[in-house]
Amino acid sequence: MPECQLTLGQAAIYMAMAPKSNASAKAIWEAMKDVREGRTIPVPKHLRDGHYAGASRLEHGKGYQYPHDHGGGRKNGRMGCPGLLGRR
């Protein structure tokens, strides 16, 4: 892989020197604990995949607003699941 040696080397050095945080690992572990303990909620219909036959009949994707269609690549309001608001 001589064509990518420098790029991979630079990426490895960057990652080794970057500030570290375990916040993402802790979030994943907390989510896995929630699933193991049965604390799950259904995905809201507007966030479900609407790109297959029958999705419109089930109202999957109905009301979804693509954030990049709004100014600055964001839309006002929350996209997440109401049952998870406030969780970190």
PDB file of N, CA and C in Angstrom:
ATOM      1  N   MET A   1       0.816  -1.190   0.000  1.00  0.00           N
ATOM      2  CA  MET A   1       0.000   0.000   0.000  1.00  0.00           C
ATOM      3  C   MET A   1       0.865   1.262   0.000  1.00  0.00           C
ATOM      4  N   PRO A   2       1.817   1.372  -0.872  1.00  0.00           N
ATOM      5  CA  PRO A   2       2.675   2.560  -0.846  1.00  0.00           C
ATOM      6  C   PRO A   2       1.914   3.848  -1.111  1.00  0.00           C
ATOM      7  N   GLU A   3       0.797   3.786  -1.821  1.00  0.00           N
ATOM      8  CA  GLU A   3       0.062   5.006  -2.144  1.00  0.00           C
ATOM      9  C   GLU A   3      -0.634   5.613  -0.937  1.00  0.00           C
ATOM     10  N   CYS A   4      -0.754   4.871   0.165  1.00  0.00           N
ATOM     11  CA  CYS A   4      -1.449   5.432   1.331  1.00  0.00           C
ATOM     12  C   CYS A   4      -0.589   5.419   2.583  1.00  0.00           C
ATOM     13  N   GLN A   5       0.677   5.065   2.486  1.00  0.00           N
ATOM     14  CA  GLN A   5       1.524   4.986   3.682  1.00  0.00           C
ATOM     15  C   GLN A   5       1.592   6.313   4.429  1.00  0.00           C
ATOM     16  N   LEU A   6       1.829   7.397   3.723  1.00  0.00           N
ATOM     17  CA  LEU A   6       1.941   8.696   4.395  1.00  0.00           C
ATOM     18  C   LEU A   6       0.620   9.119   5.017  1.00  0.00           C
ATOM     19  N   THR A   7      -0.451   8.928   4.278  1.00  0.00           N
ATOM     20  CA  THR A   7      -1.769   9.317   4.789  1.00  0.00           C
ATOM     21  C   THR A   7      -2.124   8.522   6.038  1.00  0.00           C
ATOM     22  N   LEU A   8      -1.927   7.220   6.007  1.00  0.00           N
ATOM     23  CA  LEU A   8      -2.227   6.395   7.181  1.00  0.00           C
ATOM     24  C   LEU A   8      -1.310   6.728   8.351  1.00  0.00           C
ATOM     25  N   GLY A   9      -0.046   6.992   8.056  1.00  0.00           N
ATOM     26  CA  GLY A   9       0.881   7.377   9.116  1.00  0.00           C
ATOM     27  C   GLY A   9       0.480   8.681   9.777  1.00  0.00           C
ATOM     28  N   GLN A  10       0.110   9.677   8.957  1.00  0.00           N
ATOM     29  CA  GLN A  10      -0.329  10.960   9.507  1.00  0.00           C
ATOM     30  C   GLN A  10      -1.604  10.805  10.324  1.00  0.00           C
ATOM     31  N   ALA A  11      -2.521   9.979   9.849  1.00  0.00           N
ATOM     32  CA  ALA A  11      -3.770   9.757  10.585  1.00  0.00           C
ATOM     33  C   ALA A  11      -3.494   9.085  11.926  1.00  0.00           C
ATOM     34  N   ALA A  12      -2.587   8.107  11.945  1.00  0.00           N
ATOM     35  CA  ALA A  12      -2.251   7.416  13.192  1.00  0.00           C
ATOM     36  C   ALA A  12      -1.617   8.373  14.197  1.00  0.00           C
ATOM     37  N   ILE A  13      -0.708   9.218  13.730  1.00  0.00           N
ATOM     38  CA  ILE A  13      -0.052  10.188  14.620  1.00  0.00           C
ATOM     39  C   ILE A  13      -1.066  11.199  15.148  1.00  0.00           C
ATOM     40  N   TYR A  14      -1.953  11.680  14.272  1.00  0.00           N
ATOM     41  CA  TYR A  14      -2.983  12.628  14.699  1.00  0.00           C
ATOM     42  C   TYR A  14      -3.849  12.013  15.796  1.00  0.00           C
ATOM     43  N   MET A  15      -4.300  10.780  15.577  1.00  0.00           N
ATOM     44  CA  MET A  15      -5.166  10.127  16.558  1.00  0.00           C
ATOM     45  C   MET A  15      -4.429   9.877  17.873  1.00  0.00           C
ATOM     46  N   ALA A  16      -3.151   9.524  17.793  1.00  0.00           N
ATOM     47  CA  ALA A  16      -2.377   9.264  19.005  1.00  0.00           C
ATOM     48  C   ALA A  16      -2.183  10.536  19.823  1.00  0.00           C
ATOM     49  N   MET A  17      -2.091  11.669  19.165  1.00  0.00           N
ATOM     50  CA  MET A  17      -1.815  12.929  19.864  1.00  0.00           C
ATOM     51  C   MET A  17      -3.076  13.702  20.236  1.00  0.00           C
ATOM     52  N   ALA A  18      -4.220  13.304  19.712  1.00  0.00           N
ATOM     53  CA  ALA A  18      -5.471  14.025  19.961  1.00  0.00           C
ATOM     54  C   ALA A  18      -5.918  13.858  21.414  1.00  0.00           C
ATOM     55  N   PRO A  19      -6.603  14.868  21.966  1.00  0.00           N
ATOM     56  CA  PRO A  19      -7.147  14.735  23.323  1.00  0.00           C
ATOM     57  C   PRO A  19      -8.108  13.542  23.375  1.00  0.00           C
ATOM     58  N   LYS A  20      -8.088  12.846  24.474  1.00  0.00           N
ATOM     59  CA  LYS A  20      -8.915  11.641  24.602  1.00  0.00           C
ATOM     60  C   LYS A  20     -10.075  11.887  25.560  1.00  0.00           C
ATOM     61  N   SER A  21     -11.165  11.190  25.300  1.00  0.00           N
ATOM     62  CA  SER A  21     -12.332  11.231  26.170  1.00  0.00           C
ATOM     63  C   SER A  21     -12.998   9.869  26.120  1.00  0.00           C
ATOM     64  N   ASN A  22     -13.560   9.456  27.219  1.00  0.00           N
ATOM     65  CA  ASN A  22     -14.293   8.196  27.238  1.00  0.00           C
ATOM     66  C   ASN A  22     -15.802   8.434  27.172  1.00  0.00           C
ATOM     67  N   ALA A  23     -16.209   9.656  26.811  1.00  0.00           N
ATOM     68  CA  ALA A  23     -17.637   9.998  26.790  1.00  0.00           C
ATOM     69  C   ALA A  23     -18.418   9.117  25.820  1.00  0.00           C
ATOM     70  N   SER A  24     -17.867   8.863  24.630  1.00  0.00           N
ATOM     71  CA  SER A  24     -18.610   8.034  23.672  1.00  0.00           C
ATOM     72  C   SER A  24     -18.698   6.595  24.159  1.00  0.00           C
ATOM     73  N   ALA A  25     -17.621   6.080  24.754  1.00  0.00           N
ATOM     74  CA  ALA A  25     -17.651   4.710  25.280  1.00  0.00           C
ATOM     75  C   ALA A  25     -18.680   4.598  26.400  1.00  0.00           C
ATOM     76  N   LYS A  26     -18.705   5.583  27.305  1.00  0.00           N
ATOM     77  CA  LYS A  26     -19.672   5.559  28.399  1.00  0.00           C
ATOM     78  C   LYS A  26     -21.108   5.608  27.871  1.00  0.00           C
ATOM     79  N   ALA A  27     -21.349   6.398  26.822  1.00  0.00           N
ATOM     80  CA  ALA A  27     -22.692   6.485  26.242  1.00  0.00           C
ATOM     81  C   ALA A  27     -23.103   5.150  25.632  1.00  0.00           C
ATOM     82  N   ILE A  28     -22.180   4.495  24.929  1.00  0.00           N
ATOM     83  CA  ILE A  28     -22.481   3.192  24.331  1.00  0.00           C
ATOM     84  C   ILE A  28     -22.777   2.167  25.423  1.00  0.00           C
ATOM     85  N   TRP A  29     -21.964   2.153  26.480  1.00  0.00           N
ATOM     86  CA  TRP A  29     -22.180   1.198  27.566  1.00  0.00           C
ATOM     87  C   TRP A  29     -23.515   1.442  28.261  1.00  0.00           C
ATOM     88  N   GLU A  30     -23.887   2.704  28.447  1.00  0.00           N
ATOM     89  CA  GLU A  30     -25.169   3.029  29.074  1.00  0.00           C
ATOM     90  C   GLU A  30     -26.331   2.578  28.187  1.00  0.00           C
ATOM     91  N   ALA A  31     -26.207   2.788  26.869  1.00  0.00           N
ATOM     92  CA  ALA A  31     -27.255   2.345  25.946  1.00  0.00           C
ATOM     93  C   ALA A  31     -27.382   0.822  25.959  1.00  0.00           C
ATOM     94  N   MET A  32     -26.258   0.117  25.996  1.00  0.00           N
ATOM     95  CA  MET A  32     -26.301  -1.346  26.048  1.00  0.00           C
ATOM     96  C   MET A  32     -26.953  -1.823  27.342  1.00  0.00           C
ATOM     97  N   LYS A  33     -26.685  -1.137  28.439  1.00  0.00           N
ATOM     98  CA  LYS A  33     -27.309  -1.474  29.723  1.00  0.00           C
ATOM     99  C   LYS A  33     -28.823  -1.266  29.649  1.00  0.00           C
ATOM    100  N   ASP A  34     -29.243  -0.158  29.032  1.00  0.00           N
ATOM    101  CA  ASP A  34     -30.678   0.101  28.867  1.00  0.00           C
ATOM    102  C   ASP A  34     -31.351  -1.033  28.098  1.00  0.00           C
ATOM    103  N   VAL A  35     -30.724  -1.493  27.033  1.00  0.00           N
ATOM    104  CA  VAL A  35     -31.310  -2.573  26.232  1.00  0.00           C
ATOM    105  C   VAL A  35     -31.376  -3.860  27.045  1.00  0.00           C
ATOM    106  N   ARG A  36     -30.288  -4.204  27.745  1.00  0.00           N
ATOM    107  CA  ARG A  36     -30.272  -5.419  28.567  1.00  0.00           C
ATOM    108  C   ARG A  36     -31.362  -5.392  29.625  1.00  0.00           C
ATOM    109  N   GLU A  37     -31.624  -4.215  30.179  1.00  0.00           N
ATOM    110  CA  GLU A  37     -32.597  -4.092  31.262  1.00  0.00           C
ATOM    111  C   GLU A  37     -34.006  -3.770  30.766  1.00  0.00           C
ATOM    112  N   GLY A  38     -34.200  -3.822  29.441  1.00  0.00           N
ATOM    113  CA  GLY A  38     -35.535  -3.653  28.877  1.00  0.00           C
ATOM    114  C   GLY A  38     -36.021  -2.228  28.780  1.00  0.00           C
ATOM    115  N   ARG A  39     -35.132  -1.259  28.953  1.00  0.00           N
ATOM    116  CA  ARG A  39     -35.536   0.137  28.847  1.00  0.00           C
ATOM    117  C   ARG A  39     -35.395   0.589  27.392  1.00  0.00           C
ATOM    118  N   THR A  40     -36.318   0.150  26.579  1.00  0.00           N
ATOM    119  CA  THR A  40     -36.315   0.539  25.169  1.00  0.00           C
ATOM    120  C   THR A  40     -37.645   1.188  24.836  1.00  0.00           C
ATOM    121  N   ILE A  41     -37.637   2.013  23.806  1.00  0.00           N
ATOM    122  CA  ILE A  41     -38.863   2.654  23.346  1.00  0.00           C
ATOM    123  C   ILE A  41     -38.918   2.513  21.824  1.00  0.00           C
ATOM    124  N   PRO A  42     -40.116   2.506  21.244  1.00  0.00           N
ATOM    125  CA  PRO A  42     -40.218   2.398  19.790  1.00  0.00           C
ATOM    126  C   PRO A  42     -39.653   3.638  19.098  1.00  0.00           C
ATOM    127  N   VAL A  43     -39.093   3.452  17.925  1.00  0.00           N
ATOM    128  CA  VAL A  43     -38.611   4.566  17.123  1.00  0.00           C
ATOM    129  C   VAL A  43     -39.827   5.329  16.610  1.00  0.00           C
ATOM    130  N   PRO A  44     -39.867   6.663  16.770  1.00  0.00           N
ATOM    131  CA  PRO A  44     -41.009   7.434  16.266  1.00  0.00           C
ATOM    132  C   PRO A  44     -41.193   7.222  14.762  1.00  0.00           C
ATOM    133  N   LYS A  45     -42.438   7.223  14.315  1.00  0.00           N
ATOM    134  CA  LYS A  45     -42.727   6.935  12.901  1.00  0.00           C
ATOM    135  C   LYS A  45     -42.017   7.882  11.952  1.00  0.00           C
ATOM    136  N   HIS A  46     -41.863   9.162  12.329  1.00  0.00           N
ATOM    137  CA  HIS A  46     -41.235  10.099  11.394  1.00  0.00           C
ATOM    138  C   HIS A  46     -39.744   9.808  11.209  1.00  0.00           C
ATOM    139  N   LEU A  47     -39.130   9.026  12.117  1.00  0.00           N
ATOM    140  CA  LEU A  47     -37.724   8.673  11.983  1.00  0.00           C
ATOM    141  C   LEU A  47     -37.512   7.289  11.377  1.00  0.00           C
ATOM    142  N   ARG A  48     -38.582   6.567  11.115  1.00  0.00           N
ATOM    143  CA  ARG A  48     -38.452   5.231  10.524  1.00  0.00           C
ATOM    144  C   ARG A  48     -38.245   5.328   9.019  1.00  0.00           C
ATOM    145  N   ASP A  49     -37.606   4.307   8.464  1.00  0.00           N
ATOM    146  CA  ASP A  49     -37.301   4.283   7.031  1.00  0.00           C
ATOM    147  C   ASP A  49     -38.585   4.336   6.210  1.00  0.00           C
ATOM    148  N   GLY A  50     -38.647   5.321   5.313  1.00  0.00           N
ATOM    149  CA  GLY A  50     -39.813   5.472   4.454  1.00  0.00           C
ATOM    150  C   GLY A  50     -39.515   5.178   3.000  1.00  0.00           C
ATOM    151  N   HIS A  51     -38.422   4.475   2.707  1.00  0.00           N
ATOM    152  CA  HIS A  51     -37.983   4.250   1.331  1.00  0.00           C
ATOM    153  C   HIS A  51     -38.219   2.827   0.857  1.00  0.00           C
ATOM    154  N   TYR A  52     -39.331   2.237   1.199  1.00  0.00           N
ATOM    155  CA  TYR A  52     -39.637   0.892   0.719  1.00  0.00           C
ATOM    156  C   TYR A  52     -41.142   0.780   0.479  1.00  0.00           C
ATOM    157  N   ALA A  53     -41.504  -0.192  -0.318  1.00  0.00           N
ATOM    158  CA  ALA A  53     -42.925  -0.378  -0.624  1.00  0.00           C
ATOM    159  C   ALA A  53     -43.682  -0.666   0.671  1.00  0.00           C
ATOM    160  N   GLY A  54     -44.742   0.022   0.890  1.00  0.00           N
ATOM    161  CA  GLY A  54     -45.577  -0.172   2.071  1.00  0.00           C
ATOM    162  C   GLY A  54     -45.275   0.782   3.212  1.00  0.00           C
ATOM    163  N   ALA A  55     -44.186   1.530   3.122  1.00  0.00           N
ATOM    164  CA  ALA A  55     -43.824   2.445   4.203  1.00  0.00           C
ATOM    165  C   ALA A  55     -44.854   3.553   4.358  1.00  0.00           C
ATOM    166  N   SER A  56     -45.359   4.058   3.247  1.00  0.00           N
ATOM    167  CA  SER A  56     -46.337   5.150   3.350  1.00  0.00           C
ATOM    168  C   SER A  56     -47.630   4.660   3.998  1.00  0.00           C
ATOM    169  N   ARG A  57     -48.000   3.403   3.750  1.00  0.00           N
ATOM    170  CA  ARG A  57     -49.195   2.834   4.372  1.00  0.00           C
ATOM    171  C   ARG A  57     -49.029   2.780   5.893  1.00  0.00           C
ATOM    172  N   LEU A  58     -47.788   2.556   6.351  1.00  0.00           N
ATOM    173  CA  LEU A  58     -47.493   2.498   7.779  1.00  0.00           C
ATOM    174  C   LEU A  58     -47.140   3.866   8.361  1.00  0.00           C
ATOM    175  N   GLU A  59     -47.132   4.888   7.495  1.00  0.00           N
ATOM    176  CA  GLU A  59     -46.785   6.263   7.854  1.00  0.00           C
ATOM    177  C   GLU A  59     -45.338   6.394   8.335  1.00  0.00           C
ATOM    178  N   HIS A  60     -44.469   5.501   7.870  1.00  0.00           N
ATOM    179  CA  HIS A  60     -43.056   5.617   8.215  1.00  0.00           C
ATOM    180  C   HIS A  60     -42.452   6.779   7.434  1.00  0.00           C
ATOM    181  N   GLY A  61     -41.723   7.628   8.116  1.00  0.00           N
ATOM    182  CA  GLY A  61     -41.091   8.786   7.492  1.00  0.00           C
ATOM    183  C   GLY A  61     -42.011   9.978   7.325  1.00  0.00           C
ATOM    184  N   LYS A  62     -43.281   9.831   7.645  1.00  0.00           N
ATOM    185  CA  LYS A  62     -44.235  10.931   7.473  1.00  0.00           C
ATOM    186  C   LYS A  62     -43.897  12.063   8.445  1.00  0.00           C
ATOM    187  N   GLY A  63     -43.735  13.269   7.901  1.00  0.00           N
ATOM    188  CA  GLY A  63     -43.422  14.436   8.709  1.00  0.00           C
ATOM    189  C   GLY A  63     -41.940  14.653   8.944  1.00  0.00           C
ATOM    190  N   TYR A  64     -41.093  13.756   8.414  1.00  0.00           N
ATOM    191  CA  TYR A  64     -39.647  13.916   8.581  1.00  0.00           C
ATOM    192  C   TYR A  64     -39.186  15.153   7.829  1.00  0.00           C
ATOM    193  N   GLN A  65     -38.332  15.935   8.456  1.00  0.00           N
ATOM    194  CA  GLN A  65     -37.767  17.124   7.818  1.00  0.00           C
ATOM    195  C   GLN A  65     -36.259  16.942   7.741  1.00  0.00           C
ATOM    196  N   TYR A  66     -35.745  16.881   6.537  1.00  0.00           N
ATOM    197  CA  TYR A  66     -34.314  16.703   6.314  1.00  0.00           C
ATOM    198  C   TYR A  66     -33.588  17.965   6.770  1.00  0.00           C
ATOM    199  N   PRO A  67     -32.699  17.861   7.770  1.00  0.00           N
ATOM    200  CA  PRO A  67     -32.069  19.059   8.338  1.00  0.00           C
ATOM    201  C   PRO A  67     -31.323  19.913   7.320  1.00  0.00           C
ATOM    202  N   HIS A  68     -30.725  19.296   6.311  1.00  0.00           N
ATOM    203  CA  HIS A  68     -29.932  20.056   5.352  1.00  0.00           C
ATOM    204  C   HIS A  68     -30.791  20.847   4.365  1.00  0.00           C
ATOM    205  N   ASP A  69     -32.095  20.660   4.417  1.00  0.00           N
ATOM    206  CA  ASP A  69     -32.994  21.483   3.604  1.00  0.00           C
ATOM    207  C   ASP A  69     -33.321  22.797   4.301  1.00  0.00           C
ATOM    208  N   HIS A  70     -32.830  22.978   5.499  1.00  0.00           N
ATOM    209  CA  HIS A  70     -33.099  24.179   6.281  1.00  0.00           C
ATOM    210  C   HIS A  70     -31.810  24.980   6.423  1.00  0.00           C
ATOM    211  N   GLY A  71     -31.925  26.243   6.668  1.00  0.00           N
ATOM    212  CA  GLY A  71     -30.760  27.120   6.766  1.00  0.00           C
ATOM    213  C   GLY A  71     -29.700  26.612   7.730  1.00  0.00           C
ATOM    214  N   GLY A  72     -28.457  26.633   7.274  1.00  0.00           N
ATOM    215  CA  GLY A  72     -27.351  26.224   8.117  1.00  0.00           C
ATOM    216  C   GLY A  72     -27.244  24.731   8.332  1.00  0.00           C
ATOM    217  N   GLY A  73     -28.009  23.935   7.606  1.00  0.00           N
ATOM    218  CA  GLY A  73     -27.941  22.480   7.759  1.00  0.00           C
ATOM    219  C   GLY A  73     -28.602  21.980   9.026  1.00  0.00           C
ATOM    220  N   ARG A  74     -29.444  22.828   9.624  1.00  0.00           N
ATOM    221  CA  ARG A  74     -30.133  22.436  10.844  1.00  0.00           C
ATOM    222  C   ARG A  74     -31.590  22.840  10.733  1.00  0.00           C
ATOM    223  N   LYS A  75     -32.416  22.209  11.505  1.00  0.00           N
ATOM    224  CA  LYS A  75     -33.806  22.626  11.575  1.00  0.00           C
ATOM    225  C   LYS A  75     -34.148  22.922  13.019  1.00  0.00           C
ATOM    226  N   ASN A  76     -35.129  23.759  13.209  1.00  0.00           N
ATOM    227  CA  ASN A  76     -35.561  24.061  14.562  1.00  0.00           C
ATOM    228  C   ASN A  76     -36.344  22.882  15.109  1.00  0.00           C
ATOM    229  N   GLY A  77     -36.209  22.635  16.379  1.00  0.00           N
ATOM    230  CA  GLY A  77     -36.939  21.541  16.997  1.00  0.00           C
ATOM    231  C   GLY A  77     -36.054  20.330  17.194  1.00  0.00           C
ATOM    232  N   ARG A  78     -36.592  19.353  17.874  1.00  0.00           N
ATOM    233  CA  ARG A  78     -35.852  18.139  18.199  1.00  0.00           C
ATOM    234  C   ARG A  78     -36.167  17.042  17.194  1.00  0.00           C
ATOM    235  N   MET A  79     -35.156  16.237  16.906  1.00  0.00           N
ATOM    236  CA  MET A  79     -35.338  15.124  15.978  1.00  0.00           C
ATOM    237  C   MET A  79     -35.468  13.800  16.722  1.00  0.00           C
ATOM    238  N   GLY A  80     -35.033  13.757  17.957  1.00  0.00           N
ATOM    239  CA  GLY A  80     -34.927  12.497  18.679  1.00  0.00           C
ATOM    240  C   GLY A  80     -36.237  11.938  19.161  1.00  0.00           C
ATOM    241  N   CYS A  81     -36.125  10.877  19.922  1.00  0.00           N
ATOM    242  CA  CYS A  81     -37.270  10.200  20.488  1.00  0.00           C
ATOM    243  C   CYS A  81     -37.713  10.923  21.761  1.00  0.00           C
ATOM    244  N   PRO A  82     -38.987  11.265  21.873  1.00  0.00           N
ATOM    245  CA  PRO A  82     -39.460  12.002  23.043  1.00  0.00           C
ATOM    246  C   PRO A  82     -39.128  11.311  24.366  1.00  0.00           C
ATOM    247  N   GLY A  83     -39.128   9.994  24.412  1.00  0.00           N
ATOM    248  CA  GLY A  83     -38.830   9.268  25.640  1.00  0.00           C
ATOM    249  C   GLY A  83     -37.378   9.355  26.072  1.00  0.00           C
ATOM    250  N   LEU A  84     -36.514   9.896  25.203  1.00  0.00           N
ATOM    251  CA  LEU A  84     -35.098   9.998  25.538  1.00  0.00           C
ATOM    252  C   LEU A  84     -34.653  11.422  25.803  1.00  0.00           C
ATOM    253  N   LEU A  85     -35.542  12.387  25.671  1.00  0.00           N
ATOM    254  CA  LEU A  85     -35.179  13.778  25.887  1.00  0.00           C
ATOM    255  C   LEU A  85     -34.666  13.963  27.314  1.00  0.00           C
ATOM    256  N   GLY A  86     -33.572  14.682  27.422  1.00  0.00           N
ATOM    257  CA  GLY A  86     -32.994  14.930  28.730  1.00  0.00           C
ATOM    258  C   GLY A  86     -31.983  13.888  29.162  1.00  0.00           C
ATOM    259  N   ARG A  87     -31.909  12.761  28.460  1.00  0.00           N
ATOM    260  CA  ARG A  87     -30.928  11.722  28.816  1.00  0.00           C
ATOM    261  C   ARG A  87     -29.584  12.100  28.237  1.00  0.00           C
ATOM    262  N   ARG A  88     -28.553  11.808  28.935  1.00  0.00           N
ATOM    263  CA  ARG A  88     -27.185  12.040  28.454  1.00  0.00           C
ATOM    264  C   ARG A  88     -26.383  10.794  28.638  1.00  0.00           C
TER     265      ARG A  88
END
